[in-house]
Amino acid sequence: MTVAEIPPPRDDRPPLKANVFEASRSSTCTLAPLFPYLHAGAIVPTIALFWGRREGDYGHFEHFNTIDEVVIVLGADGAVGRARTGLVRVNAKTHMVGKFLPDPENPEQFALISITQRQSENEPQREAVWFKCEKCQTDLMRLEFDWQPVATREQEAALGAYPPLETVVKSSHAAERYNANRTCPKCGHGNGPFPLERWGWDRYAAQSTAIRKAQAVLASAAE
Protein backbone atom coordinates (compact mmCIF):
# COMPACT_ATOMS: atom_id res chain seq x y z
CA MET A 1 0.00 0.00 0.00
CA THR A 2 1.42 3.34 -1.06
CA VAL A 3 1.03 6.15 1.44
CA ALA A 4 0.93 9.63 0.01
CA GLU A 5 3.10 12.14 1.80
CA ILE A 6 2.62 15.87 1.90
CA PRO A 7 5.90 17.54 0.90
CA PRO A 8 7.35 20.20 3.21
CA PRO A 9 6.43 23.82 2.40
CA ARG A 10 8.68 25.97 0.27
CA ASP A 11 10.98 28.35 2.13
CA ASP A 12 9.07 31.33 0.72
CA ARG A 13 5.71 29.84 1.72
CA PRO A 14 5.97 29.27 5.48
CA PRO A 15 2.92 27.86 7.28
CA LEU A 16 0.69 30.65 8.57
CA LYS A 17 -2.22 30.89 10.96
CA ALA A 18 -4.93 33.48 11.55
CA ASN A 19 -7.85 34.03 13.86
CA VAL A 20 -10.96 34.49 11.72
CA PHE A 21 -12.72 36.65 14.30
CA GLU A 22 -9.76 38.98 14.69
CA ALA A 23 -9.09 39.16 10.94
CA SER A 24 -12.73 39.97 10.17
CA ARG A 25 -12.59 43.08 12.32
CA SER A 26 -10.13 44.79 9.96
CA SER A 27 -11.06 43.08 6.69
CA THR A 28 -11.48 45.33 3.63
CA CYS A 29 -14.27 43.35 2.01
CA THR A 30 -16.30 40.18 1.83
CA LEU A 31 -14.37 37.20 0.41
CA ALA A 32 -11.08 38.66 1.66
CA PRO A 33 -8.31 36.01 1.61
CA LEU A 34 -6.89 35.15 5.03
CA PHE A 35 -3.45 34.31 3.61
CA PRO A 36 -1.32 35.55 0.68
CA TYR A 37 -1.04 32.15 -1.05
CA LEU A 38 -3.07 31.96 -4.28
CA HIS A 39 -0.89 29.60 -6.35
CA ALA A 40 -2.00 26.45 -8.16
CA GLY A 41 -3.30 23.90 -5.66
CA ALA A 42 -3.33 26.36 -2.76
CA ILE A 43 -6.02 26.10 -0.10
CA VAL A 44 -7.54 29.60 -0.03
CA PRO A 45 -9.75 30.39 2.98
CA THR A 46 -11.62 33.69 2.76
CA ILE A 47 -13.91 35.50 5.17
CA ALA A 48 -17.19 37.37 4.78
CA LEU A 49 -18.83 39.40 7.55
CA PHE A 50 -22.41 40.63 7.09
CA TRP A 51 -24.12 42.91 9.62
CA GLY A 52 -27.30 44.91 9.82
CA ARG A 53 -27.57 48.69 9.72
CA ARG A 54 -29.87 51.39 8.32
CA GLU A 55 -30.19 50.92 4.54
CA GLY A 56 -28.07 47.82 5.03
CA ASP A 57 -29.40 45.55 2.28
CA TYR A 58 -26.62 43.58 0.57
CA GLY A 59 -28.57 42.70 -2.55
CA HIS A 60 -27.79 39.42 -4.29
CA PHE A 61 -26.25 37.96 -7.43
CA GLU A 62 -25.45 34.64 -9.09
CA HIS A 63 -22.02 33.02 -9.08
CA PHE A 64 -20.50 30.08 -10.96
CA ASN A 65 -17.18 28.46 -10.10
CA THR A 66 -15.57 25.31 -11.45
CA ILE A 67 -13.85 24.91 -8.08
CA ASP A 68 -15.75 23.67 -5.03
CA GLU A 69 -16.44 26.27 -2.34
CA VAL A 70 -16.68 24.99 1.24
CA VAL A 71 -18.77 27.27 3.45
CA ILE A 72 -18.60 27.37 7.26
CA VAL A 73 -20.92 29.66 9.21
CA LEU A 74 -18.79 30.58 12.23
CA GLY A 75 -21.33 32.77 13.97
CA ALA A 76 -24.73 34.23 13.13
CA ASP A 77 -27.61 35.88 14.94
CA GLY A 78 -30.92 36.37 13.17
CA ALA A 79 -29.70 34.50 10.10
CA VAL A 80 -31.69 31.42 9.15
CA GLY A 81 -31.58 28.50 6.71
CA ARG A 82 -28.24 28.24 4.94
CA ALA A 83 -26.66 30.85 7.26
CA ARG A 84 -27.21 29.11 10.61
CA THR A 85 -24.33 29.06 13.09
CA GLY A 86 -22.18 25.93 12.72
CA LEU A 87 -23.53 24.99 9.31
CA VAL A 88 -21.01 23.47 6.89
CA ARG A 89 -21.88 23.01 3.24
CA VAL A 90 -20.39 22.79 -0.25
CA ASN A 91 -21.88 25.28 -2.66
CA ALA A 92 -23.33 24.09 -5.93
CA LYS A 93 -21.23 25.09 -8.94
CA THR A 94 -23.91 27.69 -9.74
CA HIS A 95 -25.34 29.38 -6.67
CA MET A 96 -27.01 32.53 -5.44
CA VAL A 97 -25.01 34.81 -3.14
CA GLY A 98 -26.67 37.20 -0.70
CA LYS A 99 -29.79 37.50 1.45
CA PHE A 100 -27.98 36.15 4.51
CA LEU A 101 -29.85 38.45 6.90
CA PRO A 102 -33.66 38.33 7.13
CA ASP A 103 -33.70 41.98 8.23
CA PRO A 104 -30.53 43.71 6.97
CA GLU A 105 -31.54 46.96 8.70
CA ASN A 106 -31.54 45.31 12.14
CA PRO A 107 -28.19 46.08 13.86
CA GLU A 108 -28.58 42.97 16.02
CA GLN A 109 -28.35 40.64 13.03
CA PHE A 110 -25.02 39.40 11.65
CA ALA A 111 -23.33 36.45 9.97
CA LEU A 112 -19.62 35.61 9.93
CA ILE A 113 -18.81 33.10 7.20
CA SER A 114 -15.67 31.41 5.90
CA ILE A 115 -15.53 30.31 2.25
CA THR A 116 -12.61 28.07 1.26
CA GLN A 117 -11.58 26.81 -2.16
CA ARG A 118 -8.64 24.83 -3.47
CA GLN A 119 -7.12 26.52 -6.48
CA SER A 120 -7.08 24.69 -9.80
CA GLU A 121 -3.81 22.99 -10.70
CA ASN A 122 -3.87 21.76 -14.30
CA GLU A 123 -6.79 23.57 -15.93
CA PRO A 124 -7.94 27.18 -16.06
CA GLN A 125 -10.29 28.11 -13.24
CA ARG A 126 -13.56 29.37 -14.74
CA GLU A 127 -15.96 31.68 -12.95
CA ALA A 128 -18.92 33.92 -13.73
CA VAL A 129 -20.81 36.64 -11.87
CA TRP A 130 -24.18 37.92 -13.06
CA PHE A 131 -27.24 39.91 -12.02
CA LYS A 132 -30.88 39.21 -12.83
CA CYS A 133 -33.86 41.49 -13.34
CA GLU A 134 -35.83 41.80 -10.09
CA LYS A 135 -39.11 41.57 -12.01
CA CYS A 136 -38.70 38.96 -14.76
CA GLN A 137 -35.40 37.25 -13.78
CA THR A 138 -33.76 37.96 -17.14
CA ASP A 139 -29.96 38.03 -17.01
CA LEU A 140 -28.97 41.71 -17.14
CA MET A 141 -25.20 41.63 -16.89
CA ARG A 142 -22.95 38.58 -16.93
CA LEU A 143 -19.19 38.65 -16.59
CA GLU A 144 -17.33 35.41 -17.30
CA PHE A 145 -13.63 35.02 -16.63
CA ASP A 146 -11.02 32.33 -16.24
CA TRP A 147 -7.57 32.40 -14.76
CA GLN A 148 -4.77 29.91 -14.39
CA PRO A 149 -3.35 29.91 -10.86
CA VAL A 150 0.41 30.24 -11.04
CA ALA A 151 2.47 27.07 -10.66
CA THR A 152 6.10 28.20 -10.98
CA ARG A 153 8.32 30.81 -9.38
CA GLU A 154 8.65 32.53 -12.76
CA GLN A 155 4.87 32.85 -13.08
CA GLU A 156 4.63 34.22 -9.55
CA ALA A 157 7.31 36.81 -10.31
CA ALA A 158 5.45 37.88 -13.46
CA LEU A 159 2.34 38.68 -11.40
CA GLY A 160 4.30 41.15 -9.30
CA ALA A 161 4.12 41.68 -5.57
CA TYR A 162 0.95 40.89 -3.63
CA PRO A 163 -1.43 39.85 -6.44
CA PRO A 164 -5.12 40.07 -5.48
CA LEU A 165 -7.70 37.30 -5.51
CA GLU A 166 -9.15 37.64 -9.01
CA THR A 167 -12.62 36.57 -7.89
CA VAL A 168 -12.93 39.73 -5.79
CA VAL A 169 -11.58 42.07 -8.47
CA LYS A 170 -13.75 40.63 -11.24
CA SER A 171 -16.83 40.71 -8.99
CA SER A 172 -16.20 44.42 -8.48
CA HIS A 173 -16.03 44.93 -12.26
CA ALA A 174 -19.28 43.00 -12.73
CA ALA A 175 -21.11 45.09 -10.12
CA GLU A 176 -19.84 48.34 -11.62
CA ARG A 177 -21.03 47.33 -15.09
CA TYR A 178 -24.43 46.31 -13.76
CA ASN A 179 -24.84 49.59 -11.86
CA ALA A 180 -24.05 51.52 -15.03
CA ASN A 181 -27.05 49.98 -16.87
CA ARG A 182 -29.83 48.51 -14.72
CA THR A 183 -32.79 48.72 -17.10
CA CYS A 184 -34.06 45.31 -18.18
CA PRO A 185 -34.04 44.98 -22.00
CA LYS A 186 -36.90 42.47 -21.85
CA CYS A 187 -39.50 44.01 -19.52
CA GLY A 188 -38.16 47.55 -19.15
CA HIS A 189 -38.00 47.37 -15.35
CA GLY A 190 -35.57 49.81 -13.72
CA ASN A 191 -33.67 47.66 -11.22
CA GLY A 192 -32.17 49.08 -8.06
CA PRO A 193 -28.40 49.53 -7.78
CA PHE A 194 -26.20 46.80 -6.34
CA PRO A 195 -24.77 48.04 -3.01
CA LEU A 196 -21.10 47.58 -3.93
CA GLU A 197 -20.00 49.62 -0.93
CA ARG A 198 -21.47 46.99 1.40
CA TRP A 199 -19.34 44.28 -0.17
CA GLY A 200 -16.14 46.35 -0.41
CA TRP A 201 -14.80 44.72 -3.58
CA ASP A 202 -13.95 48.06 -5.20
CA ARG A 203 -12.03 49.05 -2.09
CA TYR A 204 -10.09 45.77 -2.15
CA ALA A 205 -9.20 46.26 -5.83
CA ALA A 206 -8.10 49.87 -5.29
CA GLN A 207 -6.06 49.06 -2.20
CA SER A 208 -4.41 46.12 -3.98
CA THR A 209 -3.21 48.52 -6.69
CA ALA A 210 -2.03 51.07 -4.14
CA ILE A 211 -0.02 48.66 -2.00
CA ARG A 212 1.68 47.11 -5.04
CA LYS A 213 2.77 50.59 -6.12
CA ALA A 214 3.97 51.28 -2.59
CA GLN A 215 6.02 48.09 -2.57
CA ALA A 216 7.57 49.00 -5.93
CA VAL A 217 8.53 52.45 -4.63
CA LEU A 218 10.14 50.92 -1.55
CA ALA A 219 12.05 48.40 -3.67
CA SER A 220 13.34 51.20 -5.95
CA ALA A 221 14.48 53.25 -2.94
CA ALA A 222 16.52 50.31 -1.67
CA GLU A 223 18.46 49.93 -4.92
C-alpha atoms as a PDB file:
ATOM      1  CA  MET A   1       0.000   0.000   0.000  1.00  0.00           C
ATOM      2  CA  THR A   2       1.419   3.339  -1.058  1.00  0.00           C
ATOM      3  CA  VAL A   3       1.026   6.145   1.443  1.00  0.00           C
ATOM      4  CA  ALA A   4       0.931   9.635   0.009  1.00  0.00           C
ATOM      5  CA  GLU A   5       3.104  12.138   1.803  1.00  0.00           C
ATOM      6  CA  ILE A   6       2.620  15.873   1.904  1.00  0.00           C
ATOM      7  CA  PRO A   7       5.900  17.539   0.902  1.00  0.00           C
ATOM      8  CA  PRO A   8       7.352  20.200   3.207  1.00  0.00           C
ATOM      9  CA  PRO A   9       6.426  23.818   2.402  1.00  0.00           C
ATOM     10  CA  ARG A  10       8.682  25.971   0.271  1.00  0.00           C
ATOM     11  CA  ASP A  11      10.978  28.348   2.129  1.00  0.00           C
ATOM     12  CA  ASP A  12       9.073  31.331   0.720  1.00  0.00           C
ATOM     13  CA  ARG A  13       5.707  29.845   1.722  1.00  0.00           C
ATOM     14  CA  PRO A  14       5.972  29.272   5.475  1.00  0.00           C
ATOM     15  CA  PRO A  15       2.918  27.860   7.280  1.00  0.00           C
ATOM     16  CA  LEU A  16       0.690  30.646   8.568  1.00  0.00           C
ATOM     17  CA  LYS A  17      -2.222  30.887  10.960  1.00  0.00           C
ATOM     18  CA  ALA A  18      -4.930  33.475  11.546  1.00  0.00           C
ATOM     19  CA  ASN A  19      -7.855  34.034  13.861  1.00  0.00           C
ATOM     20  CA  VAL A  20     -10.962  34.491  11.718  1.00  0.00           C
ATOM     21  CA  PHE A  21     -12.725  36.654  14.299  1.00  0.00           C
ATOM     22  CA  GLU A  22      -9.762  38.981  14.692  1.00  0.00           C
ATOM     23  CA  ALA A  23      -9.087  39.163  10.940  1.00  0.00           C
ATOM     24  CA  SER A  24     -12.729  39.971  10.167  1.00  0.00           C
ATOM     25  CA  ARG A  25     -12.589  43.084  12.316  1.00  0.00           C
ATOM     26  CA  SER A  26     -10.128  44.792   9.959  1.00  0.00           C
ATOM     27  CA  SER A  27     -11.063  43.078   6.686  1.00  0.00           C
ATOM     28  CA  THR A  28     -11.477  45.335   3.634  1.00  0.00           C
ATOM     29  CA  CYS A  29     -14.274  43.350   2.010  1.00  0.00           C
ATOM     30  CA  THR A  30     -16.303  40.181   1.834  1.00  0.00           C
ATOM     31  CA  LEU A  31     -14.372  37.203   0.406  1.00  0.00           C
ATOM     32  CA  ALA A  32     -11.082  38.665   1.662  1.00  0.00           C
ATOM     33  CA  PRO A  33      -8.308  36.007   1.613  1.00  0.00           C
ATOM     34  CA  LEU A  34      -6.885  35.155   5.027  1.00  0.00           C
ATOM     35  CA  PHE A  35      -3.448  34.310   3.611  1.00  0.00           C
ATOM     36  CA  PRO A  36      -1.324  35.550   0.677  1.00  0.00           C
ATOM     37  CA  TYR A  37      -1.037  32.149  -1.045  1.00  0.00           C
ATOM     38  CA  LEU A  38      -3.066  31.962  -4.282  1.00  0.00           C
ATOM     39  CA  HIS A  39      -0.887  29.596  -6.347  1.00  0.00           C
ATOM     40  CA  ALA A  40      -1.998  26.447  -8.156  1.00  0.00           C
ATOM     41  CA  GLY A  41      -3.302  23.895  -5.657  1.00  0.00           C
ATOM     42  CA  ALA A  42      -3.329  26.361  -2.764  1.00  0.00           C
ATOM     43  CA  ILE A  43      -6.022  26.098  -0.104  1.00  0.00           C
ATOM     44  CA  VAL A  44      -7.537  29.598  -0.030  1.00  0.00           C
ATOM     45  CA  PRO A  45      -9.747  30.389   2.980  1.00  0.00           C
ATOM     46  CA  THR A  46     -11.617  33.685   2.758  1.00  0.00           C
ATOM     47  CA  ILE A  47     -13.909  35.503   5.173  1.00  0.00           C
ATOM     48  CA  ALA A  48     -17.187  37.369   4.782  1.00  0.00           C
ATOM     49  CA  LEU A  49     -18.830  39.402   7.547  1.00  0.00           C
ATOM     50  CA  PHE A  50     -22.407  40.633   7.095  1.00  0.00           C
ATOM     51  CA  TRP A  51     -24.117  42.909   9.624  1.00  0.00           C
ATOM     52  CA  GLY A  52     -27.301  44.908   9.823  1.00  0.00           C
ATOM     53  CA  ARG A  53     -27.575  48.690   9.716  1.00  0.00           C
ATOM     54  CA  ARG A  54     -29.865  51.391   8.320  1.00  0.00           C
ATOM     55  CA  GLU A  55     -30.187  50.916   4.541  1.00  0.00           C
ATOM     56  CA  GLY A  56     -28.068  47.816   5.032  1.00  0.00           C
ATOM     57  CA  ASP A  57     -29.403  45.551   2.280  1.00  0.00           C
ATOM     58  CA  TYR A  58     -26.620  43.575   0.569  1.00  0.00           C
ATOM     59  CA  GLY A  59     -28.575  42.695  -2.554  1.00  0.00           C
ATOM     60  CA  HIS A  60     -27.788  39.417  -4.286  1.00  0.00           C
ATOM     61  CA  PHE A  61     -26.246  37.960  -7.431  1.00  0.00           C
ATOM     62  CA  GLU A  62     -25.451  34.642  -9.090  1.00  0.00           C
ATOM     63  CA  HIS A  63     -22.017  33.017  -9.085  1.00  0.00           C
ATOM     64  CA  PHE A  64     -20.500  30.077 -10.961  1.00  0.00           C
ATOM     65  CA  ASN A  65     -17.184  28.463 -10.098  1.00  0.00           C
ATOM     66  CA  THR A  66     -15.565  25.313 -11.454  1.00  0.00           C
ATOM     67  CA  ILE A  67     -13.850  24.915  -8.079  1.00  0.00           C
ATOM     68  CA  ASP A  68     -15.753  23.672  -5.026  1.00  0.00           C
ATOM     69  CA  GLU A  69     -16.437  26.274  -2.341  1.00  0.00           C
ATOM     70  CA  VAL A  70     -16.678  24.985   1.238  1.00  0.00           C
ATOM     71  CA  VAL A  71     -18.765  27.274   3.451  1.00  0.00           C
ATOM     72  CA  ILE A  72     -18.599  27.372   7.262  1.00  0.00           C
ATOM     73  CA  VAL A  73     -20.917  29.661   9.215  1.00  0.00           C
ATOM     74  CA  LEU A  74     -18.790  30.580  12.229  1.00  0.00           C
ATOM     75  CA  GLY A  75     -21.334  32.765  13.972  1.00  0.00           C
ATOM     76  CA  ALA A  76     -24.727  34.234  13.126  1.00  0.00           C
ATOM     77  CA  ASP A  77     -27.615  35.877  14.941  1.00  0.00           C
ATOM     78  CA  GLY A  78     -30.923  36.371  13.168  1.00  0.00           C
ATOM     79  CA  ALA A  79     -29.700  34.504  10.100  1.00  0.00           C
ATOM     80  CA  VAL A  80     -31.685  31.419   9.150  1.00  0.00           C
ATOM     81  CA  GLY A  81     -31.580  28.503   6.715  1.00  0.00           C
ATOM     82  CA  ARG A  82     -28.241  28.243   4.937  1.00  0.00           C
ATOM     83  CA  ALA A  83     -26.657  30.848   7.260  1.00  0.00           C
ATOM     84  CA  ARG A  84     -27.211  29.107  10.611  1.00  0.00           C
ATOM     85  CA  THR A  85     -24.326  29.058  13.089  1.00  0.00           C
ATOM     86  CA  GLY A  86     -22.180  25.929  12.723  1.00  0.00           C
ATOM     87  CA  LEU A  87     -23.535  24.989   9.306  1.00  0.00           C
ATOM     88  CA  VAL A  88     -21.005  23.467   6.891  1.00  0.00           C
ATOM     89  CA  ARG A  89     -21.880  23.005   3.238  1.00  0.00           C
ATOM     90  CA  VAL A  90     -20.385  22.786  -0.246  1.00  0.00           C
ATOM     91  CA  ASN A  91     -21.882  25.283  -2.662  1.00  0.00           C
ATOM     92  CA  ALA A  92     -23.327  24.093  -5.931  1.00  0.00           C
ATOM     93  CA  LYS A  93     -21.228  25.095  -8.941  1.00  0.00           C
ATOM     94  CA  THR A  94     -23.909  27.695  -9.742  1.00  0.00           C
ATOM     95  CA  HIS A  95     -25.343  29.376  -6.666  1.00  0.00           C
ATOM     96  CA  MET A  96     -27.013  32.532  -5.441  1.00  0.00           C
ATOM     97  CA  VAL A  97     -25.009  34.805  -3.139  1.00  0.00           C
ATOM     98  CA  GLY A  98     -26.670  37.201  -0.704  1.00  0.00           C
ATOM     99  CA  LYS A  99     -29.791  37.498   1.450  1.00  0.00           C
ATOM    100  CA  PHE A 100     -27.979  36.146   4.508  1.00  0.00           C
ATOM    101  CA  LEU A 101     -29.849  38.450   6.904  1.00  0.00           C
ATOM    102  CA  PRO A 102     -33.662  38.329   7.132  1.00  0.00           C
ATOM    103  CA  ASP A 103     -33.703  41.975   8.233  1.00  0.00           C
ATOM    104  CA  PRO A 104     -30.525  43.709   6.966  1.00  0.00           C
ATOM    105  CA  GLU A 105     -31.538  46.958   8.695  1.00  0.00           C
ATOM    106  CA  ASN A 106     -31.541  45.314  12.136  1.00  0.00           C
ATOM    107  CA  PRO A 107     -28.186  46.079  13.857  1.00  0.00           C
ATOM    108  CA  GLU A 108     -28.585  42.972  16.018  1.00  0.00           C
ATOM    109  CA  GLN A 109     -28.346  40.643  13.035  1.00  0.00           C
ATOM    110  CA  PHE A 110     -25.022  39.403  11.646  1.00  0.00           C
ATOM    111  CA  ALA A 111     -23.332  36.451   9.968  1.00  0.00           C
ATOM    112  CA  LEU A 112     -19.619  35.611   9.930  1.00  0.00           C
ATOM    113  CA  ILE A 113     -18.808  33.100   7.203  1.00  0.00           C
ATOM    114  CA  SER A 114     -15.671  31.410   5.903  1.00  0.00           C
ATOM    115  CA  ILE A 115     -15.530  30.311   2.254  1.00  0.00           C
ATOM    116  CA  THR A 116     -12.613  28.068   1.263  1.00  0.00           C
ATOM    117  CA  GLN A 117     -11.584  26.815  -2.160  1.00  0.00           C
ATOM    118  CA  ARG A 118      -8.639  24.827  -3.472  1.00  0.00           C
ATOM    119  CA  GLN A 119      -7.115  26.517  -6.484  1.00  0.00           C
ATOM    120  CA  SER A 120      -7.080  24.686  -9.800  1.00  0.00           C
ATOM    121  CA  GLU A 121      -3.807  22.988 -10.702  1.00  0.00           C
ATOM    122  CA  ASN A 122      -3.871  21.758 -14.304  1.00  0.00           C
ATOM    123  CA  GLU A 123      -6.794  23.566 -15.927  1.00  0.00           C
ATOM    124  CA  PRO A 124      -7.939  27.185 -16.058  1.00  0.00           C
ATOM    125  CA  GLN A 125     -10.295  28.110 -13.235  1.00  0.00           C
ATOM    126  CA  ARG A 126     -13.558  29.370 -14.742  1.00  0.00           C
ATOM    127  CA  GLU A 127     -15.955  31.683 -12.945  1.00  0.00           C
ATOM    128  CA  ALA A 128     -18.922  33.917 -13.726  1.00  0.00           C
ATOM    129  CA  VAL A 129     -20.809  36.641 -11.871  1.00  0.00           C
ATOM    130  CA  TRP A 130     -24.178  37.917 -13.065  1.00  0.00           C
ATOM    131  CA  PHE A 131     -27.237  39.910 -12.018  1.00  0.00           C
ATOM    132  CA  LYS A 132     -30.881  39.210 -12.831  1.00  0.00           C
ATOM    133  CA  CYS A 133     -33.864  41.488 -13.338  1.00  0.00           C
ATOM    134  CA  GLU A 134     -35.828  41.805 -10.094  1.00  0.00           C
ATOM    135  CA  LYS A 135     -39.110  41.570 -12.012  1.00  0.00           C
ATOM    136  CA  CYS A 136     -38.702  38.957 -14.762  1.00  0.00           C
ATOM    137  CA  GLN A 137     -35.402  37.246 -13.778  1.00  0.00           C
ATOM    138  CA  THR A 138     -33.761  37.959 -17.139  1.00  0.00           C
ATOM    139  CA  ASP A 139     -29.956  38.032 -17.009  1.00  0.00           C
ATOM    140  CA  LEU A 140     -28.975  41.715 -17.137  1.00  0.00           C
ATOM    141  CA  MET A 141     -25.201  41.633 -16.892  1.00  0.00           C
ATOM    142  CA  ARG A 142     -22.947  38.581 -16.926  1.00  0.00           C
ATOM    143  CA  LEU A 143     -19.185  38.654 -16.587  1.00  0.00           C
ATOM    144  CA  GLU A 144     -17.325  35.409 -17.304  1.00  0.00           C
ATOM    145  CA  PHE A 145     -13.632  35.016 -16.627  1.00  0.00           C
ATOM    146  CA  ASP A 146     -11.022  32.330 -16.238  1.00  0.00           C
ATOM    147  CA  TRP A 147      -7.575  32.402 -14.762  1.00  0.00           C
ATOM    148  CA  GLN A 148      -4.767  29.911 -14.389  1.00  0.00           C
ATOM    149  CA  PRO A 149      -3.354  29.912 -10.856  1.00  0.00           C
ATOM    150  CA  VAL A 150       0.405  30.236 -11.045  1.00  0.00           C
ATOM    151  CA  ALA A 151       2.467  27.073 -10.664  1.00  0.00           C
ATOM    152  CA  THR A 152       6.097  28.202 -10.975  1.00  0.00           C
ATOM    153  CA  ARG A 153       8.324  30.809  -9.375  1.00  0.00           C
ATOM    154  CA  GLU A 154       8.652  32.534 -12.760  1.00  0.00           C
ATOM    155  CA  GLN A 155       4.868  32.854 -13.078  1.00  0.00           C
ATOM    156  CA  GLU A 156       4.630  34.218  -9.552  1.00  0.00           C
ATOM    157  CA  ALA A 157       7.306  36.814 -10.315  1.00  0.00           C
ATOM    158  CA  ALA A 158       5.446  37.876 -13.463  1.00  0.00           C
ATOM    159  CA  LEU A 159       2.345  38.682 -11.404  1.00  0.00           C
ATOM    160  CA  GLY A 160       4.302  41.148  -9.298  1.00  0.00           C
ATOM    161  CA  ALA A 161       4.124  41.682  -5.570  1.00  0.00           C
ATOM    162  CA  TYR A 162       0.947  40.890  -3.631  1.00  0.00           C
ATOM    163  CA  PRO A 163      -1.433  39.855  -6.436  1.00  0.00           C
ATOM    164  CA  PRO A 164      -5.124  40.074  -5.475  1.00  0.00           C
ATOM    165  CA  LEU A 165      -7.696  37.295  -5.510  1.00  0.00           C
ATOM    166  CA  GLU A 166      -9.145  37.639  -9.011  1.00  0.00           C
ATOM    167  CA  THR A 167     -12.622  36.575  -7.892  1.00  0.00           C
ATOM    168  CA  VAL A 168     -12.932  39.735  -5.791  1.00  0.00           C
ATOM    169  CA  VAL A 169     -11.576  42.070  -8.474  1.00  0.00           C
ATOM    170  CA  LYS A 170     -13.750  40.629 -11.239  1.00  0.00           C
ATOM    171  CA  SER A 171     -16.829  40.707  -8.986  1.00  0.00           C
ATOM    172  CA  SER A 172     -16.198  44.417  -8.481  1.00  0.00           C
ATOM    173  CA  HIS A 173     -16.026  44.926 -12.261  1.00  0.00           C
ATOM    174  CA  ALA A 174     -19.285  43.002 -12.728  1.00  0.00           C
ATOM    175  CA  ALA A 175     -21.108  45.086 -10.116  1.00  0.00           C
ATOM    176  CA  GLU A 176     -19.836  48.341 -11.617  1.00  0.00           C
ATOM    177  CA  ARG A 177     -21.030  47.326 -15.088  1.00  0.00           C
ATOM    178  CA  TYR A 178     -24.427  46.311 -13.755  1.00  0.00           C
ATOM    179  CA  ASN A 179     -24.842  49.594 -11.857  1.00  0.00           C
ATOM    180  CA  ALA A 180     -24.051  51.524 -15.034  1.00  0.00           C
ATOM    181  CA  ASN A 181     -27.054  49.985 -16.872  1.00  0.00           C
ATOM    182  CA  ARG A 182     -29.830  48.506 -14.717  1.00  0.00           C
ATOM    183  CA  THR A 183     -32.792  48.724 -17.098  1.00  0.00           C
ATOM    184  CA  CYS A 184     -34.065  45.306 -18.184  1.00  0.00           C
ATOM    185  CA  PRO A 185     -34.041  44.979 -21.999  1.00  0.00           C
ATOM    186  CA  LYS A 186     -36.896  42.469 -21.848  1.00  0.00           C
ATOM    187  CA  CYS A 187     -39.504  44.010 -19.518  1.00  0.00           C
ATOM    188  CA  GLY A 188     -38.162  47.548 -19.145  1.00  0.00           C
ATOM    189  CA  HIS A 189     -38.000  47.372 -15.351  1.00  0.00           C
ATOM    190  CA  GLY A 190     -35.573  49.808 -13.716  1.00  0.00           C
ATOM    191  CA  ASN A 191     -33.666  47.658 -11.224  1.00  0.00           C
ATOM    192  CA  GLY A 192     -32.167  49.076  -8.057  1.00  0.00           C
ATOM    193  CA  PRO A 193     -28.402  49.530  -7.779  1.00  0.00           C
ATOM    194  CA  PHE A 194     -26.204  46.801  -6.343  1.00  0.00           C
ATOM    195  CA  PRO A 195     -24.768  48.043  -3.006  1.00  0.00           C
ATOM    196  CA  LEU A 196     -21.104  47.577  -3.927  1.00  0.00           C
ATOM    197  CA  GLU A 197     -20.005  49.621  -0.928  1.00  0.00           C
ATOM    198  CA  ARG A 198     -21.469  46.992   1.404  1.00  0.00           C
ATOM    199  CA  TRP A 199     -19.336  44.278  -0.169  1.00  0.00           C
ATOM    200  CA  GLY A 200     -16.143  46.354  -0.412  1.00  0.00           C
ATOM    201  CA  TRP A 201     -14.803  44.718  -3.579  1.00  0.00           C
ATOM    202  CA  ASP A 202     -13.949  48.060  -5.203  1.00  0.00           C
ATOM    203  CA  ARG A 203     -12.027  49.048  -2.092  1.00  0.00           C
ATOM    204  CA  TYR A 204     -10.094  45.770  -2.152  1.00  0.00           C
ATOM    205  CA  ALA A 205      -9.196  46.264  -5.834  1.00  0.00           C
ATOM    206  CA  ALA A 206      -8.096  49.869  -5.294  1.00  0.00           C
ATOM    207  CA  GLN A 207      -6.063  49.060  -2.197  1.00  0.00           C
ATOM    208  CA  SER A 208      -4.409  46.124  -3.981  1.00  0.00           C
ATOM    209  CA  THR A 209      -3.212  48.521  -6.687  1.00  0.00           C
ATOM    210  CA  ALA A 210      -2.028  51.072  -4.137  1.00  0.00           C
ATOM    211  CA  ILE A 211      -0.018  48.663  -1.999  1.00  0.00           C
ATOM    212  CA  ARG A 212       1.677  47.107  -5.041  1.00  0.00           C
ATOM    213  CA  LYS A 213       2.769  50.589  -6.116  1.00  0.00           C
ATOM    214  CA  ALA A 214       3.970  51.285  -2.591  1.00  0.00           C
ATOM    215  CA  GLN A 215       6.020  48.085  -2.572  1.00  0.00           C
ATOM    216  CA  ALA A 216       7.570  49.004  -5.927  1.00  0.00           C
ATOM    217  CA  VAL A 217       8.534  52.454  -4.628  1.00  0.00           C
ATOM    218  CA  LEU A 218      10.138  50.920  -1.552  1.00  0.00           C
ATOM    219  CA  ALA A 219      12.046  48.401  -3.669  1.00  0.00           C
ATOM    220  CA  SER A 220      13.344  51.198  -5.946  1.00  0.00           C
ATOM    221  CA  ALA A 221      14.482  53.249  -2.944  1.00  0.00           C
ATOM    222  CA  ALA A 222      16.518  50.312  -1.670  1.00  0.00           C
ATOM    223  CA  GLU A 223      18.462  49.932  -4.920  1.00  0.00           C
END
